[in-house]
């Protein structure tokens, strides 16, 4: 619990201030605090950790999308190749 002096009516008043506590890790000591839109207060380490997790999730989703697209393209090429082989048989070409 912290106490601070606030100017009152012609004199100083003693006011009680509760310290910040991170809503994620419950720490009460950090050089930088951030208040989220939801109203929760996070310490610097949790903010950084959440940003890294969000970036990693975005990167993973992009890689997954690219992999699925490449797999679909490969399947299309294999299907086209199979249809071409069915049209013309493999073997020696006839001599005239």
N, C-alpha and C. Protein backbone atom coordinates (compact mmCIF):
# COMPACT_ATOMS: atom_id res chain seq x y z
N UNK A 1 0.84 -1.15 0.00
CA UNK A 1 0.00 0.00 0.00
C UNK A 1 0.90 1.23 0.00
N UNK A 2 0.60 2.18 -0.83
CA UNK A 2 1.38 3.41 -0.94
C UNK A 2 0.56 4.58 -0.43
N UNK A 3 1.27 5.55 0.05
CA UNK A 3 0.61 6.78 0.49
C UNK A 3 1.21 7.93 -0.30
N UNK A 4 0.38 8.87 -0.69
CA UNK A 4 0.89 10.04 -1.40
C UNK A 4 0.23 11.28 -0.82
N UNK A 5 0.92 12.40 -1.01
CA UNK A 5 0.40 13.66 -0.52
C UNK A 5 -0.32 14.37 -1.65
N UNK A 6 -1.58 14.71 -1.42
CA UNK A 6 -2.37 15.42 -2.40
C UNK A 6 -2.75 16.78 -1.84
N UNK A 7 -2.69 17.81 -2.68
CA UNK A 7 -3.09 19.12 -2.19
C UNK A 7 -4.59 19.13 -1.89
N UNK A 8 -4.95 19.59 -0.72
CA UNK A 8 -6.36 19.68 -0.32
C UNK A 8 -6.76 21.14 -0.17
N UNK A 9 -7.73 21.40 0.60
CA UNK A 9 -8.21 22.76 0.83
C UNK A 9 -7.23 23.51 1.73
N UNK A 10 -6.21 24.09 1.12
CA UNK A 10 -5.25 24.87 1.87
C UNK A 10 -4.25 24.05 2.66
N UNK A 11 -4.31 22.74 2.59
CA UNK A 11 -3.36 21.89 3.31
C UNK A 11 -3.14 20.61 2.51
N UNK A 12 -2.16 19.84 2.89
CA UNK A 12 -1.87 18.59 2.20
C UNK A 12 -2.67 17.46 2.83
N UNK A 13 -3.21 16.60 1.99
CA UNK A 13 -3.97 15.45 2.45
C UNK A 13 -3.17 14.19 2.18
N UNK A 14 -3.28 13.24 3.04
CA UNK A 14 -2.64 11.95 2.87
C UNK A 14 -3.64 11.03 2.18
N UNK A 15 -3.23 10.48 1.03
CA UNK A 15 -4.13 9.63 0.26
C UNK A 15 -3.54 8.24 0.13
N UNK A 16 -4.40 7.23 0.19
CA UNK A 16 -3.97 5.84 0.09
C UNK A 16 -4.10 5.40 -1.37
N UNK A 17 -3.01 4.85 -1.94
CA UNK A 17 -3.00 4.37 -3.32
C UNK A 17 -2.57 2.91 -3.32
N UNK A 18 -3.38 2.07 -3.92
CA UNK A 18 -3.01 0.66 -4.06
C UNK A 18 -2.06 0.52 -5.24
N UNK A 19 -0.99 -0.27 -5.11
CA UNK A 19 -0.06 -0.44 -6.24
C UNK A 19 -0.71 -1.28 -7.34
N UNK A 20 -0.20 -1.11 -8.55
CA UNK A 20 -0.69 -1.92 -9.67
C UNK A 20 -0.27 -3.36 -9.46
N UNK A 21 -1.12 -4.27 -9.91
CA UNK A 21 -0.82 -5.69 -9.90
C UNK A 21 -1.19 -6.22 -11.28
N UNK A 22 -0.26 -6.92 -11.90
CA UNK A 22 -0.50 -7.47 -13.24
C UNK A 22 -1.63 -8.48 -13.17
N UNK A 23 -2.60 -8.34 -14.05
CA UNK A 23 -3.75 -9.24 -14.03
C UNK A 23 -3.41 -10.62 -14.60
N UNK A 24 -2.26 -10.74 -15.26
CA UNK A 24 -1.88 -12.03 -15.84
C UNK A 24 -0.92 -12.80 -14.94
N UNK A 25 0.15 -12.16 -14.47
CA UNK A 25 1.16 -12.89 -13.68
C UNK A 25 1.16 -12.50 -12.20
N UNK A 26 0.37 -11.53 -11.86
CA UNK A 26 0.17 -11.09 -10.47
C UNK A 26 1.40 -10.39 -9.86
N UNK A 27 2.35 -9.94 -10.67
CA UNK A 27 3.50 -9.21 -10.14
C UNK A 27 3.08 -7.78 -9.81
N UNK A 28 3.82 -7.17 -8.89
CA UNK A 28 3.52 -5.78 -8.55
C UNK A 28 4.74 -4.88 -8.76
N UNK A 29 5.74 -5.41 -9.49
CA UNK A 29 6.94 -4.63 -9.73
C UNK A 29 7.35 -4.73 -11.19
N UNK A 30 7.35 -3.61 -11.89
CA UNK A 30 7.81 -3.53 -13.27
C UNK A 30 8.08 -2.07 -13.59
N UNK A 31 8.99 -1.78 -14.50
CA UNK A 31 9.26 -0.38 -14.85
C UNK A 31 8.17 0.25 -15.72
N UNK A 32 7.31 -0.58 -16.31
CA UNK A 32 6.30 -0.04 -17.22
C UNK A 32 5.00 -0.83 -17.10
N UNK A 33 3.90 -0.13 -16.97
CA UNK A 33 2.58 -0.75 -16.89
C UNK A 33 1.78 -0.39 -18.12
N UNK A 34 0.87 -1.28 -18.54
CA UNK A 34 -0.01 -0.98 -19.66
C UNK A 34 -1.42 -1.40 -19.30
N UNK A 35 -2.36 -0.50 -19.58
CA UNK A 35 -3.76 -0.83 -19.35
C UNK A 35 -4.39 -1.23 -20.68
N UNK A 36 -4.97 -2.42 -20.71
CA UNK A 36 -5.61 -2.93 -21.91
C UNK A 36 -6.95 -2.25 -22.11
N UNK A 37 -7.52 -2.43 -23.29
CA UNK A 37 -8.85 -1.87 -23.59
C UNK A 37 -9.91 -2.42 -22.66
N UNK A 38 -9.70 -3.66 -22.25
CA UNK A 38 -10.67 -4.31 -21.35
C UNK A 38 -10.59 -3.77 -19.93
N UNK A 39 -9.54 -2.98 -19.66
CA UNK A 39 -9.39 -2.41 -18.32
C UNK A 39 -8.37 -3.14 -17.47
N UNK A 40 -7.92 -4.31 -17.91
CA UNK A 40 -6.92 -5.04 -17.13
C UNK A 40 -5.56 -4.37 -17.26
N UNK A 41 -4.77 -4.47 -16.23
CA UNK A 41 -3.44 -3.87 -16.19
C UNK A 41 -2.40 -4.97 -16.29
N UNK A 42 -1.46 -4.79 -17.24
CA UNK A 42 -0.42 -5.79 -17.46
C UNK A 42 0.96 -5.20 -17.25
N UNK A 43 1.89 -6.04 -16.78
CA UNK A 43 3.27 -5.62 -16.62
C UNK A 43 3.98 -5.66 -17.98
N UNK A 44 5.15 -5.08 -18.04
CA UNK A 44 5.90 -5.00 -19.29
C UNK A 44 6.21 -6.38 -19.86
N UNK A 45 6.59 -7.32 -19.01
CA UNK A 45 6.94 -8.66 -19.47
C UNK A 45 5.74 -9.38 -20.08
N UNK A 46 4.58 -9.25 -19.49
CA UNK A 46 3.38 -9.91 -20.02
C UNK A 46 2.95 -9.27 -21.34
N UNK A 47 3.09 -7.95 -21.46
CA UNK A 47 2.75 -7.27 -22.71
C UNK A 47 3.65 -7.80 -23.82
N UNK A 48 4.95 -7.87 -23.56
CA UNK A 48 5.91 -8.37 -24.55
C UNK A 48 5.61 -9.82 -24.90
N UNK A 49 5.33 -10.63 -23.90
CA UNK A 49 5.04 -12.04 -24.13
C UNK A 49 3.78 -12.20 -24.99
N UNK A 50 2.75 -11.42 -24.70
CA UNK A 50 1.51 -11.51 -25.48
C UNK A 50 1.73 -11.08 -26.93
N UNK A 51 2.56 -10.06 -27.14
CA UNK A 51 2.86 -9.61 -28.50
C UNK A 51 3.60 -10.70 -29.27
N UNK A 52 4.57 -11.35 -28.63
CA UNK A 52 5.32 -12.43 -29.28
C UNK A 52 4.40 -13.60 -29.62
N UNK A 53 3.49 -13.95 -28.71
CA UNK A 53 2.56 -15.05 -28.98
C UNK A 53 1.65 -14.72 -30.16
N UNK A 54 1.19 -13.47 -30.25
CA UNK A 54 0.32 -13.07 -31.35
C UNK A 54 1.08 -13.11 -32.68
N UNK A 55 2.32 -12.65 -32.68
CA UNK A 55 3.13 -12.69 -33.91
C UNK A 55 3.41 -14.13 -34.33
N UNK A 56 3.69 -14.99 -33.37
CA UNK A 56 3.96 -16.40 -33.68
C UNK A 56 2.72 -17.06 -34.26
N UNK A 57 1.56 -16.77 -33.69
CA UNK A 57 0.31 -17.35 -34.20
C UNK A 57 0.04 -16.87 -35.62
N UNK A 58 0.27 -15.60 -35.88
CA UNK A 58 0.08 -15.06 -37.23
C UNK A 58 1.03 -15.72 -38.22
N UNK A 59 2.28 -15.87 -37.83
CA UNK A 59 3.28 -16.50 -38.70
C UNK A 59 2.90 -17.96 -38.98
N UNK A 60 2.48 -18.67 -37.95
CA UNK A 60 2.08 -20.06 -38.11
C UNK A 60 0.90 -20.18 -39.07
N UNK A 61 -0.07 -19.29 -38.94
CA UNK A 61 -1.23 -19.33 -39.84
C UNK A 61 -0.82 -19.06 -41.28
N UNK A 62 0.10 -18.12 -41.49
CA UNK A 62 0.56 -17.83 -42.85
C UNK A 62 1.30 -19.03 -43.45
N UNK A 63 2.15 -19.67 -42.65
CA UNK A 63 2.86 -20.85 -43.14
C UNK A 63 1.89 -21.98 -43.46
N UNK A 64 0.90 -22.17 -42.62
CA UNK A 64 -0.09 -23.23 -42.84
C UNK A 64 -0.86 -22.96 -44.13
N UNK A 65 -1.26 -21.71 -44.36
CA UNK A 65 -1.98 -21.34 -45.57
C UNK A 65 -1.12 -21.60 -46.81
N UNK A 66 0.15 -21.21 -46.74
CA UNK A 66 1.06 -21.42 -47.87
C UNK A 66 1.27 -22.91 -48.14
N UNK A 67 1.38 -23.70 -47.09
CA UNK A 67 1.57 -25.14 -47.25
C UNK A 67 0.34 -25.78 -47.90
N UNK A 68 -0.85 -25.41 -47.45
CA UNK A 68 -2.08 -25.97 -48.01
C UNK A 68 -2.20 -25.59 -49.48
N UNK A 69 -1.86 -24.34 -49.82
CA UNK A 69 -1.92 -23.89 -51.21
C UNK A 69 -0.95 -24.69 -52.09
N UNK A 70 0.28 -24.89 -51.60
CA UNK A 70 1.27 -25.65 -52.35
C UNK A 70 0.82 -27.10 -52.52
N UNK A 71 0.21 -27.67 -51.50
CA UNK A 71 -0.28 -29.05 -51.58
C UNK A 71 -1.40 -29.16 -52.62
N UNK A 72 -2.29 -28.19 -52.64
CA UNK A 72 -3.37 -28.20 -53.64
C UNK A 72 -2.82 -28.06 -55.05
N UNK A 73 -1.83 -27.21 -55.23
CA UNK A 73 -1.22 -27.04 -56.55
C UNK A 73 -0.54 -28.34 -56.99
N UNK A 74 0.11 -29.01 -56.08
CA UNK A 74 0.76 -30.28 -56.40
C UNK A 74 -0.27 -31.33 -56.81
N UNK A 75 -1.40 -31.37 -56.12
CA UNK A 75 -2.45 -32.34 -56.46
C UNK A 75 -3.03 -32.06 -57.84
N UNK A 76 -3.19 -30.78 -58.18
CA UNK A 76 -3.69 -30.41 -59.51
C UNK A 76 -2.70 -30.86 -60.57
N UNK A 77 -1.42 -30.62 -60.36
CA UNK A 77 -0.40 -31.03 -61.33
C UNK A 77 -0.34 -32.55 -61.49
N UNK A 78 -0.47 -33.27 -60.39
CA UNK A 78 -0.48 -34.74 -60.46
C UNK A 78 -1.70 -35.24 -61.23
N UNK A 79 -2.84 -34.62 -61.02
CA UNK A 79 -4.05 -35.01 -61.73
C UNK A 79 -3.91 -34.73 -63.23
N UNK A 80 -3.34 -33.58 -63.57
CA UNK A 80 -3.12 -33.25 -64.98
C UNK A 80 -2.14 -34.23 -65.62
N UNK A 81 -1.10 -34.57 -64.90
CA UNK A 81 -0.11 -35.51 -65.41
C UNK A 81 -0.73 -36.88 -65.63
N UNK A 82 -1.56 -37.32 -64.70
CA UNK A 82 -2.22 -38.62 -64.83
C UNK A 82 -3.19 -38.63 -66.00
N UNK A 83 -3.88 -37.54 -66.22
CA UNK A 83 -4.82 -37.50 -67.34
C UNK A 83 -4.08 -37.49 -68.68
N UNK A 84 -2.92 -36.85 -68.76
CA UNK A 84 -2.12 -36.85 -69.98
C UNK A 84 -1.56 -38.24 -70.27
N UNK A 85 -1.15 -38.95 -69.25
CA UNK A 85 -0.63 -40.30 -69.43
C UNK A 85 -1.73 -41.26 -69.86
N UNK A 86 -2.96 -41.03 -69.43
CA UNK A 86 -4.08 -41.89 -69.82
C UNK A 86 -4.43 -41.67 -71.28
N UNK A 87 -4.24 -40.46 -71.78
CA UNK A 87 -4.58 -40.15 -73.17
C UNK A 87 -3.55 -40.76 -74.11
N UNK A 88 -2.30 -40.63 -73.82
CA UNK A 88 -1.27 -41.22 -74.68
C UNK A 88 -0.49 -42.25 -73.88
N UNK A 89 -0.49 -43.46 -74.34
CA UNK A 89 0.20 -44.53 -73.61
C UNK A 89 1.71 -44.35 -73.67
N UNK A 90 2.34 -44.81 -72.63
CA UNK A 90 3.80 -44.77 -72.59
C UNK A 90 4.34 -45.99 -73.31
N UNK A 91 5.27 -45.82 -74.10
CA UNK A 91 5.85 -46.93 -74.83
C UNK A 91 6.58 -46.41 -76.05
N UNK A 92 7.14 -47.31 -76.82
CA UNK A 92 7.87 -46.87 -78.00
C UNK A 92 6.91 -46.27 -79.03
N UNK A 93 7.36 -45.23 -79.66
CA UNK A 93 6.53 -44.59 -80.67
C UNK A 93 6.58 -45.44 -81.95
N UNK A 94 5.48 -45.53 -82.68
CA UNK A 94 5.47 -46.35 -83.90
C UNK A 94 6.35 -45.74 -84.97
N UNK A 95 7.07 -46.61 -85.69
CA UNK A 95 7.92 -46.13 -86.78
C UNK A 95 7.17 -46.22 -88.09
N UNK A 96 7.41 -45.30 -88.89
CA UNK A 96 6.76 -45.29 -90.21
C UNK A 96 7.63 -45.85 -91.27
